[in-house]
Amino acid sequence: MRVVISQAGAVTAHGAGVPALEAALRDAKTAVRPVTRFDPRGLCSSVAAESPVETGPDRVWGLLELAAAEALAGHSAAPSARRGVMVGTTKGALADVLAGKTDDPFSQLAARFARQVGALGPVRTLGAACASSSAALGEGFDALHAGQCDEVVVAGVEALHQFVYAGFHALKALAPEAARPFDAERRGLSMGEAAVVLLLESEERARANGRKVLAYFDGHGLAMDAHDQTAPHPKGAGLVSACRQALARAGFEARALGRYHAHGTATPHNDRMESAACETLFGPRGVPVASAKGSVGHTLGAAGALDTLACALALRRRELWAVTGLKTIDPALSVDAVRERRAHDAPTALVATAGFGGVNTALAISAGDPP
């Protein structure tokens, strides 16, 4: 069985809908702007990739509901024991916890989402720091191969929150302007918010139901650094291990890979680590390196699903998209970071994610049907 991503929905700082996201990424536009949802005075940055979409007071749910409506448009909403749900998030409904409305921000969100989409099969919440929704995609992949489901609705969601923003200020990780991954003048990351919903199923089932293939999901890997609470292993040991697992499962040759979609946070530690990991994996020649966080910010638990969608969209168009904000590649880094959009027919990719606590994930995907 070959697993595919057949439908997708997204709400990002570029607005509601996958087309808005795709258009912005193709043109390397940033959505990092002055923060409006809280007062950032006294913090080391005052910008973030906020979504312009108004959702009402329950922001996490509002973002998730909009993304799901797009991803599942025209899809049967009849409850099914063969439909599963995997939700990846770092803080779930944190605002409800701080307001005293709940003491369980995670399982309640997943259960509510499962009811919304009629999922009576496995329902899981994955909390793996910034790799949460990548881990959720891996769980969905395994559930399909294990025969537990016919389809899995995978979601990654985070809403911007002052509490978390202040935490990254304390770590001195925030840039005062839009993030510039791999750039010689990069100064740190930009926070963001998003909801991304992806439908996983077998290619046979998707074709039988008249759905196109957005991307093939060929393999995944997960590994730990066990190095530091916030800093990655300097040589990317855990990320290299996760990538090798994904490559082996997909049957991809590392040095023949079409592209590497980086975690690409634009922090000094992360970019150096990914450069070292890429050199280990792909040799000094390397492969083209993409990143979306200069455009959409770092969306924490939603980042893996968002990066997977971004990479899938570019693969489908047989293009490489420029790293938003990149002007001059740091000469200390050995990465072939993409600076201009160009045609690129190589159909395979790795999507990498590195999270706090040393958790690393990699997803192997390949090009689906042209748009």
Foldseek 3Di string as FASTA:
>chain_A
DWKFFFFKWKFFLQGGGPVSVQVCQQVLAASWDFDDPDDCPPFPAGIASEGPDDQPPQVQVSQQVRGVCRRQPVHDQAADQQEEEEEWEAQASVVCVVVVNDPDRFPVNQVVVCNRRRHNHYTYYAHDKLCRQVVSVQVQVVCQVVVRHQKYKGKYWDHDDPVVVVVCSVVQADDRGQAAFQAQPGRHFHAITMMMITMMHHPVVCVVVVTFGLWIFQFKFKFFQQPAQFFADQLLVRQLRGVVRRCVSNVHQQQLAAEEEELRRSGPRRRSNVLNSQCVRHNLVGHEYEYCCSHRTRHIRRSQVVSVSNVSLQLLQQKDGAHRNHDHRNPVGSHNGHHHIDHHNRFKYKYWHAGGNGMIMIIIMGHIHHD
